[in-house]
C-alpha atoms as a PDB file:
ATOM      1  CA  MET A   1      -8.458   1.210 -25.172  1.00  0.00           C
ATOM      2  CA  LYS A   2      -9.640   4.350 -23.411  1.00  0.00           C
ATOM      3  CA  GLY A   3      -8.515   6.613 -20.619  1.00  0.00           C
ATOM      4  CA  THR A   4     -10.045   8.620 -17.806  1.00  0.00           C
ATOM      5  CA  PHE A   5      -8.568  11.646 -16.077  1.00  0.00           C
ATOM      6  CA  PRO A   6      -9.370  11.909 -12.353  1.00  0.00           C
ATOM      7  CA  THR A   7      -8.665  15.179 -10.601  1.00  0.00           C
ATOM      8  CA  LYS A   8      -7.921  14.124  -7.005  1.00  0.00           C
ATOM      9  CA  CYS A   9      -4.469  13.770  -5.395  1.00  0.00           C
ATOM     10  CA  SER A  10      -3.388  16.967  -7.127  1.00  0.00           C
ATOM     11  CA  GLY A  11      -0.442  17.229  -4.751  1.00  0.00           C
ATOM     12  CA  CYS A  12       0.979  13.810  -5.671  1.00  0.00           C
ATOM     13  CA  SER A  13       4.516  14.065  -7.032  1.00  0.00           C
ATOM     14  CA  TYR A  14       3.679  11.224  -9.421  1.00  0.00           C
ATOM     15  CA  GLN A  15       0.557  12.896 -10.781  1.00  0.00           C
ATOM     16  CA  GLY A  16      -0.331  11.854 -14.304  1.00  0.00           C
ATOM     17  CA  ARG A  17       1.457   8.497 -14.503  1.00  0.00           C
ATOM     18  CA  HIS A  18      -0.213   6.205 -17.039  1.00  0.00           C
ATOM     19  CA  ILE A  19      -1.928   3.212 -15.420  1.00  0.00           C
ATOM     20  CA  TYR A  20      -3.163   0.364 -17.621  1.00  0.00           C
ATOM     21  CA  VAL A  21      -5.707  -2.194 -16.425  1.00  0.00           C
ATOM     22  CA  VAL A  22      -5.210  -5.405 -18.406  1.00  0.00           C
ATOM     23  CA  GLY A  23      -7.675  -8.276 -18.457  1.00  0.00           C
ATOM     24  CA  SER A  24     -10.078 -10.214 -20.634  1.00  0.00           C
ATOM     25  CA  MET A  25     -13.169  -9.119 -18.681  1.00  0.00           C
ATOM     26  CA  HIS A  26     -14.351  -5.624 -19.606  1.00  0.00           C
ATOM     27  CA  PHE A  27     -16.578  -5.419 -16.530  1.00  0.00           C
ATOM     28  CA  GLU A  28     -13.673  -6.101 -14.158  1.00  0.00           C
ATOM     29  CA  ARG A  29     -11.565  -3.402 -15.827  1.00  0.00           C
ATOM     30  CA  GLU A  30     -14.351  -0.833 -15.725  1.00  0.00           C
ATOM     31  CA  LEU A  31     -15.172  -1.638 -12.109  1.00  0.00           C
ATOM     32  CA  LEU A  32     -11.587  -1.179 -10.927  1.00  0.00           C
ATOM     33  CA  ILE A  33     -11.174   2.122 -12.747  1.00  0.00           C
ATOM     34  CA  LYS A  34     -14.483   3.508 -11.473  1.00  0.00           C
ATOM     35  CA  CYS A  35     -13.714   2.369  -7.939  1.00  0.00           C
ATOM     36  CA  ILE A  36     -10.036   3.353  -7.659  1.00  0.00           C
ATOM     37  CA  GLY A  37      -9.526   5.931 -10.384  1.00  0.00           C
ATOM     38  CA  PRO A  38     -11.179   8.904  -8.642  1.00  0.00           C
ATOM     39  CA  HIS A  39      -8.769   8.511  -5.711  1.00  0.00           C
ATOM     40  CA  THR A  40      -5.639   8.918  -7.834  1.00  0.00           C
ATOM     41  CA  ALA A  41      -4.069  11.560 -10.024  1.00  0.00           C
ATOM     42  CA  ALA A  42      -3.161   9.043 -12.716  1.00  0.00           C
ATOM     43  CA  GLN A  43      -4.372   8.683 -16.292  1.00  0.00           C
ATOM     44  CA  TRP A  44      -6.161   5.340 -16.533  1.00  0.00           C
ATOM     45  CA  PHE A  45      -6.396   3.126 -19.616  1.00  0.00           C
ATOM     46  CA  GLU A  46      -7.870  -0.265 -20.475  1.00  0.00           C
ATOM     47  CA  ALA A  47      -6.419  -3.122 -22.528  1.00  0.00           C
ATOM     48  CA  ASP A  48      -7.684  -6.652 -23.078  1.00  0.00           C
ATOM     49  CA  SER A  49      -4.173  -8.122 -23.232  1.00  0.00           C
ATOM     50  CA  LEU A  50      -0.598  -7.235 -22.385  1.00  0.00           C
ATOM     51  CA  GLN A  51       0.222  -7.165 -26.087  1.00  0.00           C
ATOM     52  CA  ALA A  52      -2.234  -4.274 -26.492  1.00  0.00           C
ATOM     53  CA  VAL A  53      -0.277  -2.052 -24.070  1.00  0.00           C
ATOM     54  CA  PRO A  54       2.163   0.236 -25.934  1.00  0.00           C
ATOM     55  CA  GLU A  55       5.763  -0.830 -25.369  1.00  0.00           C
ATOM     56  CA  SER A  56       7.154   2.667 -25.776  1.00  0.00           C
ATOM     57  CA  ASN A  57       7.317   4.865 -22.700  1.00  0.00           C
ATOM     58  CA  GLN A  58       7.917   7.988 -24.754  1.00  0.00           C
ATOM     59  CA  ASP A  59       5.809  10.884 -23.453  1.00  0.00           C
ATOM     60  CA  VAL A  60       4.679   8.814 -20.449  1.00  0.00           C
ATOM     61  CA  PRO A  61       4.856  10.959 -17.281  1.00  0.00           C
ATOM     62  CA  HIS A  62       7.765   9.849 -15.044  1.00  0.00           C
ATOM     63  CA  GLY A  63       9.037   7.448 -17.709  1.00  0.00           C
ATOM     64  CA  LEU A  64       7.311   4.279 -16.484  1.00  0.00           C
ATOM     65  CA  LYS A  65       3.776   2.959 -16.767  1.00  0.00           C
ATOM     66  CA  MET A  66       1.955   1.018 -14.086  1.00  0.00           C
ATOM     67  CA  ILE A  67       0.375  -2.123 -15.529  1.00  0.00           C
ATOM     68  CA  LEU A  68      -2.284  -3.919 -13.475  1.00  0.00           C
ATOM     69  CA  ILE A  69      -2.814  -7.508 -14.629  1.00  0.00           C
ATOM     70  CA  ASP A  70      -6.202  -9.018 -13.750  1.00  0.00           C
ATOM     71  CA  THR A  71      -5.553 -12.607 -12.629  1.00  0.00           C
ATOM     72  CA  HIS A  72      -9.226 -13.478 -12.091  1.00  0.00           C
ATOM     73  CA  THR A  73      -9.517 -15.771 -15.112  1.00  0.00           C
ATOM     74  CA  GLN A  74      -6.089 -17.414 -14.794  1.00  0.00           C
ATOM     75  CA  ASP A  75      -4.827 -20.333 -12.750  1.00  0.00           C
ATOM     76  CA  ARG A  76      -1.431 -20.587 -11.094  1.00  0.00           C
ATOM     77  CA  GLU A  77       0.239 -22.343 -14.019  1.00  0.00           C
ATOM     78  CA  GLY A  78      -1.143 -19.800 -16.466  1.00  0.00           C
ATOM     79  CA  LEU A  79       0.263 -16.916 -14.439  1.00  0.00           C
ATOM     80  CA  LEU A  80       3.676 -18.558 -14.231  1.00  0.00           C
ATOM     81  CA  ARG A  81       3.645 -18.999 -18.005  1.00  0.00           C
ATOM     82  CA  LEU A  82       2.716 -15.328 -18.416  1.00  0.00           C
ATOM     83  CA  LEU A  83       5.789 -14.287 -16.425  1.00  0.00           C
ATOM     84  CA  SER A  84       8.040 -16.010 -18.964  1.00  0.00           C
ATOM     85  CA  THR A  85       6.439 -14.659 -22.158  1.00  0.00           C
ATOM     86  CA  ASN A  86       8.117 -12.154 -24.445  1.00  0.00           C
ATOM     87  CA  SER A  87       5.223  -9.747 -23.874  1.00  0.00           C
ATOM     88  CA  TRP A  88       5.914  -9.776 -20.139  1.00  0.00           C
ATOM     89  CA  LYS A  89       9.653  -9.344 -20.603  1.00  0.00           C
ATOM     90  CA  SER A  90       9.110  -6.350 -22.895  1.00  0.00           C
ATOM     91  CA  HIS A  91       7.072  -4.615 -20.169  1.00  0.00           C
ATOM     92  CA  SER A  92       8.768  -5.883 -16.994  1.00  0.00           C
ATOM     93  CA  HIS A  93      10.766  -2.661 -16.528  1.00  0.00           C
ATOM     94  CA  ASN A  94       7.463  -0.900 -15.799  1.00  0.00           C
ATOM     95  CA  LEU A  95       5.582  -1.022 -12.490  1.00  0.00           C
ATOM     96  CA  MET A  96       3.965  -4.445 -12.878  1.00  0.00           C
ATOM     97  CA  VAL A  97       1.135  -5.405 -10.510  1.00  0.00           C
ATOM     98  CA  LEU A  98      -1.001  -8.536 -10.162  1.00  0.00           C
ATOM     99  CA  PHE A  99      -4.545  -7.896  -8.908  1.00  0.00           C
ATOM    100  CA  ASN A 100      -7.502 -10.154  -8.083  1.00  0.00           C
ATOM    101  CA  LEU A 101      -4.822 -12.622  -7.013  1.00  0.00           C
ATOM    102  CA  MET A 102      -5.718 -15.686  -4.942  1.00  0.00           C
ATOM    103  CA  HIS A 103      -3.675 -16.133  -1.768  1.00  0.00           C
ATOM    104  CA  ASP A 104      -3.302 -19.888  -2.278  1.00  0.00           C
ATOM    105  CA  PHE A 105      -1.559 -19.463  -5.654  1.00  0.00           C
ATOM    106  CA  ASP A 106       1.715 -18.893  -3.762  1.00  0.00           C
ATOM    107  CA  ILE A 107       3.516 -17.344  -6.732  1.00  0.00           C
ATOM    108  CA  GLU A 108       4.757 -14.169  -5.062  1.00  0.00           C
ATOM    109  CA  LYS A 109       8.418 -15.200  -4.905  1.00  0.00           C
ATOM    110  CA  GLU A 110       8.549 -16.197  -8.566  1.00  0.00           C
ATOM    111  CA  ALA A 111       6.650 -13.046  -9.535  1.00  0.00           C
ATOM    112  CA  LEU A 112       9.024 -10.761  -7.628  1.00  0.00           C
ATOM    113  CA  LYS A 113      11.954 -12.282  -9.507  1.00  0.00           C
ATOM    114  CA  SER A 114      10.137 -11.447 -12.758  1.00  0.00           C
ATOM    115  CA  GLY A 115       9.736  -7.779 -11.840  1.00  0.00           C
ATOM    116  CA  VAL A 116       6.316  -7.653 -10.171  1.00  0.00           C
ATOM    117  CA  ARG A 117       6.146  -4.656  -7.821  1.00  0.00           C
ATOM    118  CA  GLY A 118       2.989  -5.508  -5.921  1.00  0.00           C
ATOM    119  CA  PHE A 119       0.102  -7.885  -5.246  1.00  0.00           C
ATOM    120  CA  LEU A 120      -3.556  -6.900  -4.796  1.00  0.00           C
ATOM    121  CA  TYR A 121      -5.667  -9.838  -3.677  1.00  0.00           C
ATOM    122  CA  ALA A 122      -9.214 -10.893  -4.402  1.00  0.00           C
ATOM    123  CA  GLY A 123     -11.304  -9.765  -1.454  1.00  0.00           C
ATOM    124  CA  ASP A 124      -9.006  -6.891  -0.445  1.00  0.00           C
ATOM    125  CA  PRO A 125     -10.959  -3.860   0.809  1.00  0.00           C
ATOM    126  CA  VAL A 126     -10.976  -0.781  -1.410  1.00  0.00           C
ATOM    127  CA  LYS A 127      -8.767   1.065   1.082  1.00  0.00           C
ATOM    128  CA  ASP A 128      -6.018  -1.540   0.683  1.00  0.00           C
ATOM    129  CA  LEU A 129      -6.268  -1.367  -3.102  1.00  0.00           C
ATOM    130  CA  ILE A 130      -5.905   2.421  -3.052  1.00  0.00           C
ATOM    131  CA  ASN A 131      -2.999   2.305  -0.604  1.00  0.00           C
ATOM    132  CA  GLY A 132      -1.259  -0.387  -2.637  1.00  0.00           C
ATOM    133  CA  ILE A 133      -1.613   1.412  -5.944  1.00  0.00           C
ATOM    134  CA  CYS A 134      -0.434   4.712  -4.446  1.00  0.00           C
ATOM    135  CA  ALA A 135       2.566   3.013  -2.815  1.00  0.00           C
ATOM    136  CA  ILE A 136       3.620   1.281  -6.026  1.00  0.00           C
ATOM    137  CA  ASN A 137       3.029   4.499  -7.970  1.00  0.00           C
ATOM    138  CA  SER A 138       5.556   6.241  -5.720  1.00  0.00           C
ATOM    139  CA  GLY A 139       8.169   3.518  -6.208  1.00  0.00           C
ATOM    140  CA  ASP A 140       7.559   1.195  -3.239  1.00  0.00           C
ATOM    141  CA  ILE A 141       6.994  -2.559  -3.333  1.00  0.00           C
ATOM    142  CA  TRP A 142       3.556  -3.738  -2.115  1.00  0.00           C
ATOM    143  CA  VAL A 143       4.141  -7.164  -0.622  1.00  0.00           C
ATOM    144  CA  SER A 144       3.593  -8.673   2.801  1.00  0.00           C
ATOM    145  CA  ARG A 145       6.457  -8.602   5.291  1.00  0.00           C
ATOM    146  CA  ARG A 146       6.279 -12.384   5.589  1.00  0.00           C
ATOM    147  CA  ILE A 147       6.928 -12.916   1.894  1.00  0.00           C
ATOM    148  CA  LEU A 148       9.589 -10.226   1.815  1.00  0.00           C
ATOM    149  CA  ARG A 149      11.364 -11.753   4.810  1.00  0.00           C
ATOM    150  CA  GLU A 150      11.303 -15.219   3.239  1.00  0.00           C
ATOM    151  CA  CYS A 151      12.706 -13.859  -0.037  1.00  0.00           C
ATOM    152  CA  LEU A 152      15.532 -12.097   1.739  1.00  0.00           C
ATOM    153  CA  GLN A 153      16.328 -15.113   3.885  1.00  0.00           C
ATOM    154  CA  GLU A 154      16.499 -17.334   0.810  1.00  0.00           C
ATOM    155  CA  SER A 155      18.663 -14.899  -1.133  1.00  0.00           C
ATOM    156  CA  SER A 156      22.310 -14.066  -0.655  1.00  0.00           C
ATOM    157  CA  ILE A 157      21.492 -10.540   0.463  1.00  0.00           C
ATOM    158  CA  VAL A 158      22.598 -11.173   4.049  1.00  0.00           C
ATOM    159  CA  ARG A 159      25.292 -13.763   3.259  1.00  0.00           C
ATOM    160  CA  ASP A 160      28.856 -13.290   2.163  1.00  0.00           C
ATOM    161  CA  ILE A 161      28.740  -9.532   2.660  1.00  0.00           C
ATOM    162  CA  PRO A 162      32.131  -8.195   1.569  1.00  0.00           C
ATOM    163  CA  GLU A 163      34.218  -5.986   3.770  1.00  0.00           C
ATOM    164  CA  LEU A 164      35.266  -2.815   1.982  1.00  0.00           C
ATOM    165  CA  THR A 165      39.047  -2.661   1.897  1.00  0.00           C
ATOM    166  CA  ASN A 166      39.086   0.837   3.323  1.00  0.00           C
ATOM    167  CA  HIS A 167      36.553  -0.114   6.067  1.00  0.00           C
ATOM    168  CA  LEU A 168      34.358   2.786   4.997  1.00  0.00           C
ATOM    169  CA  LEU A 169      31.179   0.965   6.023  1.00  0.00           C
ATOM    170  CA  SER A 170      30.453  -1.589   8.701  1.00  0.00           C
ATOM    171  CA  ARG A 171      28.939  -4.966   7.880  1.00  0.00           C
ATOM    172  CA  ARG A 172      25.627  -3.829   9.363  1.00  0.00           C
ATOM    173  CA  GLU A 173      25.665  -0.676   7.199  1.00  0.00           C
ATOM    174  CA  ILE A 174      26.377  -2.759   4.093  1.00  0.00           C
ATOM    175  CA  GLU A 175      23.532  -5.104   5.014  1.00  0.00           C
ATOM    176  CA  LEU A 176      21.197  -2.144   5.449  1.00  0.00           C
ATOM    177  CA  LEU A 177      22.236  -0.728   2.067  1.00  0.00           C
ATOM    178  CA  ARG A 178      21.484  -4.058   0.421  1.00  0.00           C
ATOM    179  CA  HIS A 179      18.003  -4.055   1.913  1.00  0.00           C
ATOM    180  CA  LEU A 180      17.520  -0.427   0.835  1.00  0.00           C
ATOM    181  CA  SER A 181      18.492  -1.301  -2.740  1.00  0.00           C
ATOM    182  CA  SER A 182      15.886  -4.056  -2.883  1.00  0.00           C
ATOM    183  CA  GLY A 183      13.142  -1.452  -2.438  1.00  0.00           C
ATOM    184  CA  VAL A 184      12.384  -2.103   1.221  1.00  0.00           C
ATOM    185  CA  SER A 185      10.849   0.664   3.335  1.00  0.00           C
ATOM    186  CA  ASN A 186      12.460   1.909   6.570  1.00  0.00           C
ATOM    187  CA  ASP A 187       9.821   0.159   8.666  1.00  0.00           C
ATOM    188  CA  ALA A 188      10.412  -3.142   6.856  1.00  0.00           C
ATOM    189  CA  ILE A 189      14.192  -2.797   7.277  1.00  0.00           C
ATOM    190  CA  ALA A 190      13.667  -2.173  10.990  1.00  0.00           C
ATOM    191  CA  ASP A 191      11.557  -5.323  11.221  1.00  0.00           C
ATOM    192  CA  LEU A 192      14.073  -7.420   9.292  1.00  0.00           C
ATOM    193  CA  LEU A 193      17.072  -6.228  11.317  1.00  0.00           C
ATOM    194  CA  CYS A 194      15.203  -6.199  14.652  1.00  0.00           C
ATOM    195  CA  ILE A 195      15.954  -2.538  15.281  1.00  0.00           C
ATOM    196  CA  SER A 196      13.745   0.532  15.610  1.00  0.00           C
ATOM    197  CA  PRO A 197      12.758   2.727  12.625  1.00  0.00           C
ATOM    198  CA  HIS A 198      14.573   5.582  14.359  1.00  0.00           C
ATOM    199  CA  THR A 199      17.781   3.518  14.385  1.00  0.00           C
ATOM    200  CA  VAL A 200      17.329   2.823  10.676  1.00  0.00           C
ATOM    201  CA  LYS A 201      17.091   6.572  10.007  1.00  0.00           C
ATOM    202  CA  THR A 202      20.228   7.168  12.087  1.00  0.00           C
ATOM    203  CA  HIS A 203      22.119   4.485  10.162  1.00  0.00           C
ATOM    204  CA  LEU A 204      20.996   5.947   6.832  1.00  0.00           C
ATOM    205  CA  HIS A 205      22.067   9.437   7.872  1.00  0.00           C
ATOM    206  CA  ASN A 206      25.521   8.125   8.774  1.00  0.00           C
ATOM    207  CA  ILE A 207      25.767   6.031   5.613  1.00  0.00           C
ATOM    208  CA  PHE A 208      24.790   8.936   3.355  1.00  0.00           C
ATOM    209  CA  HIS A 209      27.515  11.034   4.965  1.00  0.00           C
ATOM    210  CA  LYS A 210      30.129   8.281   4.553  1.00  0.00           C
ATOM    211  CA  ILE A 211      29.431   7.618   0.887  1.00  0.00           C
ATOM    212  CA  ASN A 212      28.728  11.272   0.070  1.00  0.00           C
ATOM    213  CA  VAL A 213      25.156  10.985  -1.222  1.00  0.00           C
ATOM    214  CA  LYS A 214      22.100  13.091  -0.422  1.00  0.00           C
ATOM    215  CA  ASN A 215      19.142  10.718  -0.721  1.00  0.00           C
ATOM    216  CA  ARG A 216      17.926   7.123  -1.044  1.00  0.00           C
ATOM    217  CA  THR A 217      18.045   7.110  -4.845  1.00  0.00           C
ATOM    218  CA  GLN A 218      21.688   8.163  -4.887  1.00  0.00           C
ATOM    219  CA  ALA A 219      22.450   5.582  -2.191  1.00  0.00           C
ATOM    220  CA  VAL A 220      20.854   2.820  -4.274  1.00  0.00           C
ATOM    221  CA  LEU A 221      22.901   3.834  -7.321  1.00  0.00           C
ATOM    222  CA  TRP A 222      26.062   3.919  -5.204  1.00  0.00           C
ATOM    223  CA  THR A 223      25.293   0.448  -3.866  1.00  0.00           C
ATOM    224  CA  LYS A 224      24.821  -1.001  -7.361  1.00  0.00           C
ATOM    225  CA  ASP A 225      28.159   0.443  -8.449  1.00  0.00           C
ATOM    226  CA  ASN A 226      30.171  -0.418  -5.353  1.00  0.00           C
ATOM    227  CA  LEU A 227      28.736  -3.496  -3.616  1.00  0.00           C
END
């Protein structure tokens, strides 16, 4: 295992996060790091298996690692088995990413349930890879709107929304908070609720005032405790 230390993105608030590239093919790992690494402010490492990635996050900047799993040599069934292994479960609290993924595998929904934060596909241009890694590094989920919409429609996130007894929040505000807590961006929420991004910002401003929080992170914590 070895690391490299790029110097770009010096203004990134997540500068220095440890990113591990995991896969059986040394060439694939080296190629990704050489191609993407110089565009980030992360510390990059290689590992030939998930078991070789340290489980401890002690001394890791920002407390979580990003772990990129190369799917090039695996089939759909193999990836699904990986998601249920003890090695995966011991790392699933980190920022888990599948790269070199084939579109026709159709495992995104299962993978999201297992903690995957993003999908980088075989054939994606370098720009998309960089944007995806940077987005996941900053805490976002990198997944298509189609898949996200299908997941939300199949879940109970928009069904059986409880009314707060004191009527502090409207049903629409509760629905928006649920979407926010699932890691969805403002633009994605706007698309899902068929409203403008500006309206989403207005709703969030009003919600934050009602529940007495200052930012999205506090709102997510409030939602987990109260909804």
